[in-house]
Amino acid sequence: MEWSERHTLIMEQAAVLFATKGIAGTKVRDIADGVGILSGSLYHYFPSKDAIAELIVTQYLDALVDEYKAILASSSDPRGRLDDLVKASFRVSQAHPHASEIYQNNGAYLRKLKSHSKIRDAARTTKDAWMTVIESGIASGEFRSDLPAEVLYGLIRDAVWLSLRWFSPTRDFGIDQLADSVVSVFLEGVRART
């Protein structure tokens, strides 16, 4: 197996373990065993377990930031941008399996890492993107003004990120349909359409 293949395999195995056991609860030996190498051999690919966690989370957040910046640069209306943010979030999460769960469930651990300021800045940038879209929707009258933007952000954020834990796409109802449904439920409610 080539170096790059093994490197990717280690990251994939670590992501599964970090998501299920937590970063602190995962031992280097667990990762090495999962890819069929000795614990010491793992250090040929990564300087530490923390370096693996940092790379998984920062690649994920970097991809989110790039997608969100492109959406904010578009001339779409607030509803279109909201739809795009939801779809981008699902797309990036599919491209980086387990990363959102690792990020959400290991906050205290991630704060101790060398790259914490980069992670924090990326998280702030993603929140700012959502808030910009929500606030522009409220200001334009497209979104309800009786809900604080921060509350709407929290509700939509959790609907998006938590749904990734239970949703399994099918041929008839894929990730794009889920994204459309999230936006529709938040903007139109759950009442039957007439």
N, C-alpha and C. Protein backbone atom coordinates (compact mmCIF):
# COMPACT_ATOMS: atom_id res chain seq x y z
N MET A 1 0.85 -1.17 0.00
CA MET A 1 0.00 0.00 0.00
C MET A 1 0.90 1.24 0.00
N GLU A 2 0.56 2.21 -0.85
CA GLU A 2 1.34 3.44 -0.94
C GLU A 2 1.13 4.30 0.30
N TRP A 3 2.10 5.21 0.53
CA TRP A 3 2.07 6.08 1.69
C TRP A 3 0.77 6.88 1.75
N SER A 4 0.35 7.49 0.64
CA SER A 4 -0.85 8.34 0.64
C SER A 4 -2.12 7.52 0.92
N GLU A 5 -2.16 6.29 0.42
CA GLU A 5 -3.32 5.43 0.68
C GLU A 5 -3.40 5.10 2.17
N ARG A 6 -2.26 4.76 2.77
CA ARG A 6 -2.24 4.42 4.19
C ARG A 6 -2.58 5.65 5.03
N HIS A 7 -2.07 6.81 4.64
CA HIS A 7 -2.37 8.07 5.32
C HIS A 7 -3.88 8.31 5.34
N THR A 8 -4.52 8.16 4.20
CA THR A 8 -5.97 8.34 4.09
C THR A 8 -6.72 7.30 4.92
N LEU A 9 -6.27 6.07 4.85
CA LEU A 9 -6.89 4.99 5.63
C LEU A 9 -6.80 5.28 7.13
N ILE A 10 -5.67 5.78 7.58
CA ILE A 10 -5.51 6.13 9.00
C ILE A 10 -6.49 7.22 9.38
N MET A 11 -6.60 8.25 8.54
CA MET A 11 -7.55 9.34 8.83
C MET A 11 -8.98 8.82 8.88
N GLU A 12 -9.34 7.95 7.95
CA GLU A 12 -10.71 7.41 7.93
C GLU A 12 -10.98 6.58 9.17
N GLN A 13 -10.05 5.73 9.55
CA GLN A 13 -10.22 4.90 10.74
C GLN A 13 -10.28 5.76 12.00
N ALA A 14 -9.41 6.74 12.08
CA ALA A 14 -9.41 7.64 13.24
C ALA A 14 -10.72 8.40 13.33
N ALA A 15 -11.25 8.85 12.19
CA ALA A 15 -12.52 9.59 12.20
C ALA A 15 -13.65 8.74 12.78
N VAL A 16 -13.71 7.49 12.38
CA VAL A 16 -14.74 6.59 12.91
C VAL A 16 -14.58 6.45 14.42
N LEU A 17 -13.36 6.22 14.86
CA LEU A 17 -13.10 6.04 16.30
C LEU A 17 -13.34 7.32 17.09
N PHE A 18 -12.89 8.45 16.58
CA PHE A 18 -13.09 9.72 17.28
C PHE A 18 -14.57 10.04 17.40
N ALA A 19 -15.34 9.70 16.37
CA ALA A 19 -16.78 9.97 16.40
C ALA A 19 -17.51 9.06 17.38
N THR A 20 -17.05 7.83 17.51
CA THR A 20 -17.75 6.89 18.39
C THR A 20 -17.21 6.89 19.82
N LYS A 21 -15.89 7.02 19.99
CA LYS A 21 -15.29 6.94 21.32
C LYS A 21 -14.81 8.28 21.85
N GLY A 22 -14.81 9.29 21.01
CA GLY A 22 -14.23 10.58 21.38
C GLY A 22 -12.73 10.56 21.10
N ILE A 23 -12.16 11.75 20.97
CA ILE A 23 -10.72 11.81 20.71
C ILE A 23 -9.97 11.32 21.94
N ALA A 24 -10.36 11.79 23.11
CA ALA A 24 -9.68 11.39 24.35
C ALA A 24 -9.80 9.89 24.60
N GLY A 25 -10.93 9.30 24.22
CA GLY A 25 -11.16 7.88 24.46
C GLY A 25 -10.54 6.95 23.44
N THR A 26 -9.96 7.51 22.41
CA THR A 26 -9.32 6.71 21.35
C THR A 26 -7.82 6.67 21.59
N LYS A 27 -7.28 5.49 21.57
CA LYS A 27 -5.84 5.31 21.76
C LYS A 27 -5.17 5.14 20.39
N VAL A 28 -3.92 5.51 20.31
CA VAL A 28 -3.15 5.33 19.07
C VAL A 28 -3.21 3.86 18.64
N ARG A 29 -3.16 2.97 19.61
CA ARG A 29 -3.21 1.54 19.32
C ARG A 29 -4.53 1.16 18.64
N ASP A 30 -5.64 1.79 19.05
CA ASP A 30 -6.94 1.52 18.42
C ASP A 30 -6.90 1.87 16.93
N ILE A 31 -6.32 3.02 16.64
CA ILE A 31 -6.24 3.47 15.24
C ILE A 31 -5.34 2.52 14.45
N ALA A 32 -4.17 2.23 15.00
CA ALA A 32 -3.20 1.35 14.33
C ALA A 32 -3.81 -0.04 14.09
N ASP A 33 -4.45 -0.59 15.10
CA ASP A 33 -5.09 -1.91 14.95
C ASP A 33 -6.13 -1.89 13.83
N GLY A 34 -6.87 -0.79 13.74
CA GLY A 34 -7.92 -0.68 12.72
C GLY A 34 -7.40 -0.66 11.30
N VAL A 35 -6.15 -0.24 11.12
CA VAL A 35 -5.58 -0.21 9.77
C VAL A 35 -4.52 -1.28 9.57
N GLY A 36 -4.32 -2.11 10.59
CA GLY A 36 -3.42 -3.25 10.44
C GLY A 36 -1.94 -2.91 10.49
N ILE A 37 -1.57 -1.93 11.31
CA ILE A 37 -0.15 -1.60 11.48
C ILE A 37 0.17 -1.56 12.96
N LEU A 38 1.45 -1.54 13.28
CA LEU A 38 1.87 -1.42 14.67
C LEU A 38 1.70 0.02 15.13
N SER A 39 1.45 0.20 16.42
CA SER A 39 1.24 1.54 16.97
C SER A 39 2.36 2.50 16.60
N GLY A 40 3.60 2.03 16.73
CA GLY A 40 4.74 2.88 16.43
C GLY A 40 4.81 3.29 14.98
N SER A 41 4.29 2.46 14.10
CA SER A 41 4.30 2.78 12.66
C SER A 41 3.39 3.95 12.32
N LEU A 42 2.41 4.19 13.16
CA LEU A 42 1.48 5.30 12.92
C LEU A 42 2.23 6.64 12.89
N TYR A 43 3.31 6.71 13.67
CA TYR A 43 4.07 7.96 13.75
C TYR A 43 4.88 8.25 12.48
N HIS A 44 4.96 7.29 11.59
CA HIS A 44 5.57 7.52 10.28
C HIS A 44 4.64 8.39 9.43
N TYR A 45 3.35 8.37 9.75
CA TYR A 45 2.35 9.09 8.96
C TYR A 45 1.87 10.38 9.65
N PHE A 46 1.82 10.36 10.96
CA PHE A 46 1.35 11.51 11.75
C PHE A 46 2.21 11.65 12.99
N PRO A 47 2.51 12.89 13.40
CA PRO A 47 3.34 13.06 14.60
C PRO A 47 2.61 12.68 15.90
N SER A 48 1.26 12.69 15.86
CA SER A 48 0.50 12.39 17.08
C SER A 48 -0.97 12.13 16.73
N LYS A 49 -1.66 11.60 17.71
CA LYS A 49 -3.12 11.44 17.57
C LYS A 49 -3.78 12.79 17.40
N ASP A 50 -3.32 13.78 18.13
CA ASP A 50 -3.88 15.12 18.03
C ASP A 50 -3.73 15.69 16.63
N ALA A 51 -2.62 15.40 15.98
CA ALA A 51 -2.40 15.88 14.60
C ALA A 51 -3.44 15.29 13.65
N ILE A 52 -3.83 14.05 13.89
CA ILE A 52 -4.87 13.43 13.06
C ILE A 52 -6.20 14.14 13.30
N ALA A 53 -6.53 14.36 14.56
CA ALA A 53 -7.79 15.04 14.90
C ALA A 53 -7.82 16.44 14.31
N GLU A 54 -6.71 17.16 14.43
CA GLU A 54 -6.63 18.52 13.88
C GLU A 54 -6.87 18.50 12.38
N LEU A 55 -6.24 17.58 11.69
CA LEU A 55 -6.36 17.52 10.24
C LEU A 55 -7.80 17.19 9.82
N ILE A 56 -8.42 16.26 10.49
CA ILE A 56 -9.80 15.89 10.17
C ILE A 56 -10.71 17.11 10.33
N VAL A 57 -10.61 17.77 11.47
CA VAL A 57 -11.51 18.89 11.76
C VAL A 57 -11.19 20.11 10.92
N THR A 58 -9.91 20.44 10.74
CA THR A 58 -9.59 21.64 9.97
C THR A 58 -9.89 21.47 8.49
N GLN A 59 -9.69 20.29 7.93
CA GLN A 59 -10.06 20.08 6.52
C GLN A 59 -11.57 20.26 6.33
N TYR A 60 -12.32 19.74 7.25
CA TYR A 60 -13.78 19.87 7.21
C TYR A 60 -14.20 21.33 7.32
N LEU A 61 -13.67 22.04 8.31
CA LEU A 61 -14.05 23.44 8.50
C LEU A 61 -13.57 24.32 7.35
N ASP A 62 -12.38 24.03 6.82
CA ASP A 62 -11.89 24.78 5.66
C ASP A 62 -12.82 24.62 4.46
N ALA A 63 -13.30 23.40 4.25
CA ALA A 63 -14.24 23.15 3.14
C ALA A 63 -15.55 23.90 3.36
N LEU A 64 -16.04 23.91 4.60
CA LEU A 64 -17.26 24.65 4.91
C LEU A 64 -17.08 26.15 4.66
N VAL A 65 -15.98 26.69 5.14
CA VAL A 65 -15.71 28.11 4.97
C VAL A 65 -15.65 28.47 3.49
N ASP A 66 -14.97 27.66 2.70
CA ASP A 66 -14.88 27.93 1.25
C ASP A 66 -16.26 27.93 0.60
N GLU A 67 -17.07 26.94 0.94
CA GLU A 67 -18.42 26.85 0.37
C GLU A 67 -19.27 28.05 0.80
N TYR A 68 -19.21 28.38 2.08
CA TYR A 68 -20.02 29.47 2.61
C TYR A 68 -19.62 30.82 2.02
N LYS A 69 -18.32 31.03 1.84
CA LYS A 69 -17.86 32.29 1.24
C LYS A 69 -18.39 32.43 -0.18
N ALA A 70 -18.38 31.35 -0.93
CA ALA A 70 -18.91 31.38 -2.30
C ALA A 70 -20.40 31.70 -2.29
N ILE A 71 -21.12 31.16 -1.34
CA ILE A 71 -22.57 31.41 -1.24
C ILE A 71 -22.83 32.88 -0.90
N LEU A 72 -22.08 33.41 0.04
CA LEU A 72 -22.26 34.82 0.41
C LEU A 72 -21.91 35.76 -0.73
N ALA A 73 -21.01 35.32 -1.60
CA ALA A 73 -20.62 36.15 -2.74
C ALA A 73 -21.66 36.12 -3.86
N SER A 74 -22.60 35.17 -3.77
CA SER A 74 -23.63 35.07 -4.81
C SER A 74 -24.65 36.20 -4.65
N SER A 75 -25.37 36.44 -5.70
CA SER A 75 -26.37 37.52 -5.65
C SER A 75 -27.77 36.98 -5.36
N SER A 76 -27.82 35.78 -4.88
CA SER A 76 -29.10 35.14 -4.59
C SER A 76 -29.84 35.86 -3.45
N ASP A 77 -31.14 35.65 -3.40
CA ASP A 77 -31.96 36.20 -2.32
C ASP A 77 -31.71 35.40 -1.04
N PRO A 78 -32.17 35.91 0.12
CA PRO A 78 -31.91 35.20 1.38
C PRO A 78 -32.41 33.76 1.40
N ARG A 79 -33.58 33.49 0.84
CA ARG A 79 -34.07 32.11 0.84
C ARG A 79 -33.16 31.22 0.01
N GLY A 80 -32.73 31.71 -1.15
CA GLY A 80 -31.81 30.94 -1.99
C GLY A 80 -30.49 30.68 -1.30
N ARG A 81 -30.00 31.71 -0.62
CA ARG A 81 -28.74 31.54 0.12
C ARG A 81 -28.90 30.56 1.27
N LEU A 82 -30.03 30.63 1.98
CA LEU A 82 -30.29 29.69 3.08
C LEU A 82 -30.31 28.26 2.54
N ASP A 83 -31.00 28.08 1.45
CA ASP A 83 -31.05 26.77 0.81
C ASP A 83 -29.64 26.31 0.43
N ASP A 84 -28.86 27.22 -0.11
CA ASP A 84 -27.49 26.88 -0.50
C ASP A 84 -26.61 26.54 0.71
N LEU A 85 -26.79 27.26 1.83
CA LEU A 85 -26.03 26.95 3.04
C LEU A 85 -26.35 25.55 3.55
N VAL A 86 -27.63 25.22 3.55
CA VAL A 86 -28.04 23.88 4.02
C VAL A 86 -27.44 22.81 3.11
N LYS A 87 -27.59 22.99 1.80
CA LYS A 87 -27.06 21.99 0.86
C LYS A 87 -25.55 21.87 0.95
N ALA A 88 -24.87 23.00 1.07
CA ALA A 88 -23.40 22.97 1.20
C ALA A 88 -23.00 22.25 2.48
N SER A 89 -23.72 22.48 3.56
CA SER A 89 -23.41 21.82 4.83
C SER A 89 -23.52 20.31 4.69
N PHE A 90 -24.57 19.85 4.05
CA PHE A 90 -24.74 18.41 3.85
C PHE A 90 -23.67 17.85 2.92
N ARG A 91 -23.37 18.58 1.85
CA ARG A 91 -22.36 18.14 0.88
C ARG A 91 -20.99 17.99 1.55
N VAL A 92 -20.60 19.02 2.29
CA VAL A 92 -19.29 18.99 2.95
C VAL A 92 -19.25 17.87 4.00
N SER A 93 -20.34 17.69 4.70
CA SER A 93 -20.37 16.62 5.71
C SER A 93 -20.27 15.24 5.08
N GLN A 94 -20.87 15.08 3.91
CA GLN A 94 -20.74 13.79 3.21
C GLN A 94 -19.31 13.58 2.74
N ALA A 95 -18.64 14.65 2.33
CA ALA A 95 -17.26 14.55 1.86
C ALA A 95 -16.27 14.32 3.01
N HIS A 96 -16.69 14.67 4.22
CA HIS A 96 -15.83 14.53 5.41
C HIS A 96 -16.61 13.75 6.48
N PRO A 97 -16.82 12.46 6.24
CA PRO A 97 -17.63 11.67 7.18
C PRO A 97 -17.09 11.75 8.61
N HIS A 98 -17.99 11.90 9.52
CA HIS A 98 -17.72 11.92 10.97
C HIS A 98 -17.13 13.24 11.47
N ALA A 99 -16.67 14.11 10.59
CA ALA A 99 -15.98 15.32 11.04
C ALA A 99 -16.89 16.25 11.84
N SER A 100 -18.15 16.41 11.40
CA SER A 100 -19.03 17.32 12.15
C SER A 100 -19.32 16.76 13.54
N GLU A 101 -19.47 15.46 13.63
CA GLU A 101 -19.72 14.84 14.93
C GLU A 101 -18.50 14.97 15.85
N ILE A 102 -17.31 14.80 15.28
CA ILE A 102 -16.08 14.97 16.05
C ILE A 102 -16.00 16.40 16.55
N TYR A 103 -16.26 17.34 15.67
CA TYR A 103 -16.19 18.76 16.02
C TYR A 103 -17.20 19.10 17.12
N GLN A 104 -18.43 18.63 16.98
CA GLN A 104 -19.48 18.96 17.94
C GLN A 104 -19.30 18.29 19.29
N ASN A 105 -18.79 17.08 19.30
CA ASN A 105 -18.73 16.30 20.54
C ASN A 105 -17.41 16.40 21.29
N ASN A 106 -16.42 17.06 20.71
CA ASN A 106 -15.10 17.09 21.32
C ASN A 106 -14.58 18.50 21.54
N GLY A 107 -15.49 19.43 21.79
CA GLY A 107 -15.13 20.83 21.93
C GLY A 107 -14.05 21.08 22.98
N ALA A 108 -14.21 20.48 24.15
CA ALA A 108 -13.24 20.70 25.22
C ALA A 108 -11.86 20.18 24.81
N TYR A 109 -11.82 19.05 24.16
CA TYR A 109 -10.54 18.48 23.71
C TYR A 109 -9.93 19.36 22.62
N LEU A 110 -10.74 19.79 21.67
CA LEU A 110 -10.23 20.60 20.56
C LEU A 110 -9.66 21.94 21.04
N ARG A 111 -10.21 22.48 22.13
CA ARG A 111 -9.70 23.74 22.67
C ARG A 111 -8.26 23.62 23.18
N LYS A 112 -7.80 22.42 23.42
CA LYS A 112 -6.44 22.21 23.93
C LYS A 112 -5.42 22.04 22.81
N LEU A 113 -5.88 21.92 21.58
CA LEU A 113 -4.97 21.65 20.47
C LEU A 113 -4.27 22.92 19.99
N LYS A 114 -3.12 22.74 19.35
CA LYS A 114 -2.35 23.87 18.81
C LYS A 114 -3.17 24.66 17.79
N SER A 115 -4.01 23.98 17.05
CA SER A 115 -4.77 24.64 15.98
C SER A 115 -6.10 25.21 16.48
N HIS A 116 -6.27 25.31 17.79
CA HIS A 116 -7.54 25.77 18.32
C HIS A 116 -7.97 27.12 17.76
N SER A 117 -7.05 28.06 17.65
CA SER A 117 -7.44 29.38 17.15
C SER A 117 -7.93 29.30 15.71
N LYS A 118 -7.32 28.45 14.91
CA LYS A 118 -7.78 28.26 13.53
C LYS A 118 -9.18 27.63 13.52
N ILE A 119 -9.40 26.65 14.37
CA ILE A 119 -10.70 25.99 14.47
C ILE A 119 -11.75 26.99 14.94
N ARG A 120 -11.41 27.78 15.96
CA ARG A 120 -12.33 28.78 16.49
C ARG A 120 -12.68 29.83 15.43
N ASP A 121 -11.67 30.29 14.69
CA ASP A 121 -11.91 31.30 13.65
C ASP A 121 -12.79 30.76 12.54
N ALA A 122 -12.56 29.51 12.15
CA ALA A 122 -13.39 28.90 11.10
C ALA A 122 -14.83 28.73 11.60
N ALA A 123 -14.98 28.33 12.84
CA ALA A 123 -16.33 28.19 13.42
C ALA A 123 -17.04 29.54 13.45
N ARG A 124 -16.32 30.57 13.81
CA ARG A 124 -16.90 31.92 13.85
C ARG A 124 -17.30 32.36 12.43
N THR A 125 -16.48 32.06 11.45
CA THR A 125 -16.78 32.42 10.07
C THR A 125 -18.03 31.70 9.58
N THR A 126 -18.18 30.42 9.94
CA THR A 126 -19.37 29.70 9.49
C THR A 126 -20.62 30.25 10.17
N LYS A 127 -20.53 30.56 11.44
CA LYS A 127 -21.69 31.14 12.13
C LYS A 127 -22.04 32.50 11.52
N ASP A 128 -21.02 33.30 11.25
CA ASP A 128 -21.26 34.62 10.65
C ASP A 128 -21.97 34.50 9.31
N ALA A 129 -21.65 33.48 8.53
CA ALA A 129 -22.31 33.28 7.23
C ALA A 129 -23.80 33.03 7.44
N TRP A 130 -24.12 32.13 8.37
CA TRP A 130 -25.53 31.85 8.66
C TRP A 130 -26.24 33.11 9.15
N MET A 131 -25.61 33.82 10.07
CA MET A 131 -26.23 35.01 10.64
C MET A 131 -26.43 36.09 9.58
N THR A 132 -25.49 36.25 8.67
CA THR A 132 -25.63 37.23 7.59
C THR A 132 -26.85 36.92 6.74
N VAL A 133 -27.02 35.66 6.38
CA VAL A 133 -28.16 35.25 5.55
C VAL A 133 -29.47 35.42 6.32
N ILE A 134 -29.50 34.98 7.56
CA ILE A 134 -30.72 35.08 8.36
C ILE A 134 -31.09 36.54 8.60
N GLU A 135 -30.13 37.35 8.98
CA GLU A 135 -30.41 38.76 9.23
C GLU A 135 -30.86 39.49 7.97
N SER A 136 -30.29 39.14 6.82
CA SER A 136 -30.74 39.78 5.57
C SER A 136 -32.15 39.32 5.22
N GLY A 137 -32.49 38.07 5.53
CA GLY A 137 -33.84 37.58 5.30
C GLY A 137 -34.86 38.27 6.19
N ILE A 138 -34.48 38.52 7.43
CA ILE A 138 -35.37 39.24 8.35
C ILE A 138 -35.53 40.68 7.88
N ALA A 139 -34.42 41.32 7.52
CA ALA A 139 -34.46 42.72 7.09
C ALA A 139 -35.29 42.91 5.82
N SER A 140 -35.25 41.92 4.92
CA SER A 140 -35.99 42.04 3.67
C SER A 140 -37.46 41.64 3.82
N GLY A 141 -37.83 41.08 4.97
CA GLY A 141 -39.20 40.64 5.19
C GLY A 141 -39.46 39.22 4.69
N GLU A 142 -38.41 38.56 4.19
CA GLU A 142 -38.57 37.18 3.72
C GLU A 142 -38.68 36.19 4.87
N PHE A 143 -38.01 36.47 5.97
CA PHE A 143 -38.04 35.62 7.16
C PHE A 143 -38.76 36.35 8.28
N ARG A 144 -39.30 35.59 9.20
CA ARG A 144 -40.03 36.16 10.33
C ARG A 144 -39.15 37.10 11.14
N SER A 145 -39.74 38.20 11.56
CA SER A 145 -38.99 39.15 12.38
C SER A 145 -39.30 39.00 13.87
N ASP A 146 -40.26 38.14 14.21
CA ASP A 146 -40.60 37.96 15.63
C ASP A 146 -39.68 36.96 16.32
N LEU A 147 -38.81 36.30 15.57
CA LEU A 147 -37.83 35.38 16.15
C LEU A 147 -36.46 36.04 16.09
N PRO A 148 -35.73 36.07 17.19
CA PRO A 148 -34.37 36.61 17.12
C PRO A 148 -33.53 35.79 16.13
N ALA A 149 -32.69 36.46 15.40
CA ALA A 149 -31.84 35.78 14.41
C ALA A 149 -31.01 34.68 15.05
N GLU A 150 -30.53 34.92 16.26
CA GLU A 150 -29.70 33.94 16.96
C GLU A 150 -30.48 32.65 17.25
N VAL A 151 -31.75 32.79 17.59
CA VAL A 151 -32.60 31.62 17.87
C VAL A 151 -32.85 30.85 16.57
N LEU A 152 -33.18 31.56 15.51
CA LEU A 152 -33.40 30.90 14.22
C LEU A 152 -32.13 30.18 13.77
N TYR A 153 -31.00 30.82 13.95
CA TYR A 153 -29.73 30.19 13.61
C TYR A 153 -29.54 28.88 14.39
N GLY A 154 -29.76 28.92 15.69
CA GLY A 154 -29.58 27.72 16.52
C GLY A 154 -30.51 26.59 16.10
N LEU A 155 -31.74 26.93 15.80
CA LEU A 155 -32.71 25.91 15.38
C LEU A 155 -32.32 25.27 14.05
N ILE A 156 -31.97 26.10 13.09
CA ILE A 156 -31.60 25.57 11.77
C ILE A 156 -30.28 24.80 11.87
N ARG A 157 -29.32 25.36 12.57
CA ARG A 157 -28.02 24.68 12.73
C ARG A 157 -28.21 23.27 13.29
N ASP A 158 -28.99 23.17 14.36
CA ASP A 158 -29.19 21.86 14.96
C ASP A 158 -29.98 20.93 14.05
N ALA A 159 -30.95 21.46 13.33
CA ALA A 159 -31.69 20.62 12.39
C ALA A 159 -30.76 20.06 11.32
N VAL A 160 -29.84 20.87 10.86
CA VAL A 160 -28.90 20.43 9.82
C VAL A 160 -27.91 19.43 10.39
N TRP A 161 -27.17 19.82 11.42
CA TRP A 161 -26.08 18.97 11.90
C TRP A 161 -26.56 17.72 12.61
N LEU A 162 -27.65 17.82 13.37
CA LEU A 162 -28.12 16.62 14.07
C LEU A 162 -28.79 15.63 13.13
N SER A 163 -29.37 16.12 12.05
CA SER A 163 -30.00 15.19 11.11
C SER A 163 -28.96 14.30 10.44
N LEU A 164 -27.74 14.75 10.38
CA LEU A 164 -26.68 13.94 9.77
C LEU A 164 -26.39 12.68 10.59
N ARG A 165 -26.78 12.68 11.84
CA ARG A 165 -26.54 11.52 12.69
C ARG A 165 -27.52 10.38 12.42
N TRP A 166 -28.73 10.71 11.97
CA TRP A 166 -29.73 9.66 11.80
C TRP A 166 -30.15 9.47 10.35
N PHE A 167 -29.92 10.44 9.49
CA PHE A 167 -30.40 10.36 8.12
C PHE A 167 -29.54 9.44 7.26
N SER A 168 -30.18 8.53 6.55
CA SER A 168 -29.51 7.67 5.58
C SER A 168 -30.17 7.89 4.23
N PRO A 169 -29.46 8.50 3.29
CA PRO A 169 -30.06 8.76 1.98
C PRO A 169 -30.50 7.47 1.29
N THR A 170 -31.61 7.58 0.58
CA THR A 170 -32.08 6.47 -0.25
C THR A 170 -32.16 6.95 -1.68
N ARG A 171 -32.48 6.06 -2.57
CA ARG A 171 -32.62 6.43 -3.97
C ARG A 171 -33.77 7.41 -4.16
N ASP A 172 -34.81 7.26 -3.37
CA ASP A 172 -36.00 8.11 -3.51
C ASP A 172 -35.93 9.41 -2.72
N PHE A 173 -35.09 9.45 -1.68
CA PHE A 173 -35.00 10.65 -0.85
C PHE A 173 -33.55 10.84 -0.44
N GLY A 174 -32.87 11.66 -1.21
CA GLY A 174 -31.44 11.87 -1.00
C GLY A 174 -31.15 13.10 -0.18
N ILE A 175 -29.89 13.45 -0.14
CA ILE A 175 -29.42 14.56 0.68
C ILE A 175 -29.99 15.89 0.19
N ASP A 176 -30.14 16.06 -1.13
CA ASP A 176 -30.72 17.31 -1.64
C ASP A 176 -32.19 17.45 -1.22
N GLN A 177 -32.92 16.34 -1.21
CA GLN A 177 -34.31 16.39 -0.76
C GLN A 177 -34.39 16.72 0.73
N LEU A 178 -33.46 16.17 1.49
CA LEU A 178 -33.42 16.50 2.92
C LEU A 178 -33.14 18.00 3.10
N ALA A 179 -32.19 18.52 2.36
CA ALA A 179 -31.88 19.94 2.45
C ALA A 179 -33.09 20.79 2.09
N ASP A 180 -33.77 20.44 1.00
CA ASP A 180 -34.98 21.18 0.60
C ASP A 180 -36.04 21.11 1.70
N SER A 181 -36.16 19.95 2.32
CA SER A 181 -37.16 19.76 3.38
C SER A 181 -36.84 20.60 4.61
N VAL A 182 -35.56 20.67 4.98
CA VAL A 182 -35.17 21.47 6.14
C VAL A 182 -35.56 22.93 5.89
N VAL A 183 -35.19 23.46 4.73
CA VAL A 183 -35.50 24.85 4.42
C VAL A 183 -37.00 25.06 4.36
N SER A 184 -37.71 24.16 3.72
CA SER A 184 -39.16 24.27 3.59
C SER A 184 -39.86 24.25 4.95
N VAL A 185 -39.47 23.34 5.81
CA VAL A 185 -40.11 23.25 7.13
C VAL A 185 -39.85 24.53 7.93
N PHE A 186 -38.65 25.06 7.85
CA PHE A 186 -38.35 26.27 8.61
C PHE A 186 -39.03 27.49 8.04
N LEU A 187 -39.19 27.56 6.74
CA LEU A 187 -39.76 28.77 6.15
C LEU A 187 -41.26 28.68 5.89
N GLU A 188 -41.77 27.46 5.77
CA GLU A 188 -43.20 27.31 5.45
C GLU A 188 -43.96 26.51 6.50
N GLY A 189 -43.26 25.87 7.42
CA GLY A 189 -43.92 25.08 8.45
C GLY A 189 -44.21 23.66 8.00
N VAL A 190 -44.96 22.94 8.82
CA VAL A 190 -45.26 21.56 8.52
C VAL A 190 -46.71 21.34 8.09
N ARG A 191 -47.45 22.40 7.96
CA ARG A 191 -48.82 22.26 7.50
C ARG A 191 -48.87 21.73 6.08
N ALA A 192 -49.92 20.98 5.82
CA ALA A 192 -50.09 20.44 4.47
C ALA A 192 -50.21 21.59 3.46
N ARG A 193 -49.59 21.38 2.34
CA ARG A 193 -49.66 22.40 1.29
C ARG A 193 -50.98 22.28 0.56
N THR A 194 -51.57 23.44 0.25
CA THR A 194 -52.87 23.40 -0.45
C THR A 194 -52.70 23.66 -1.92
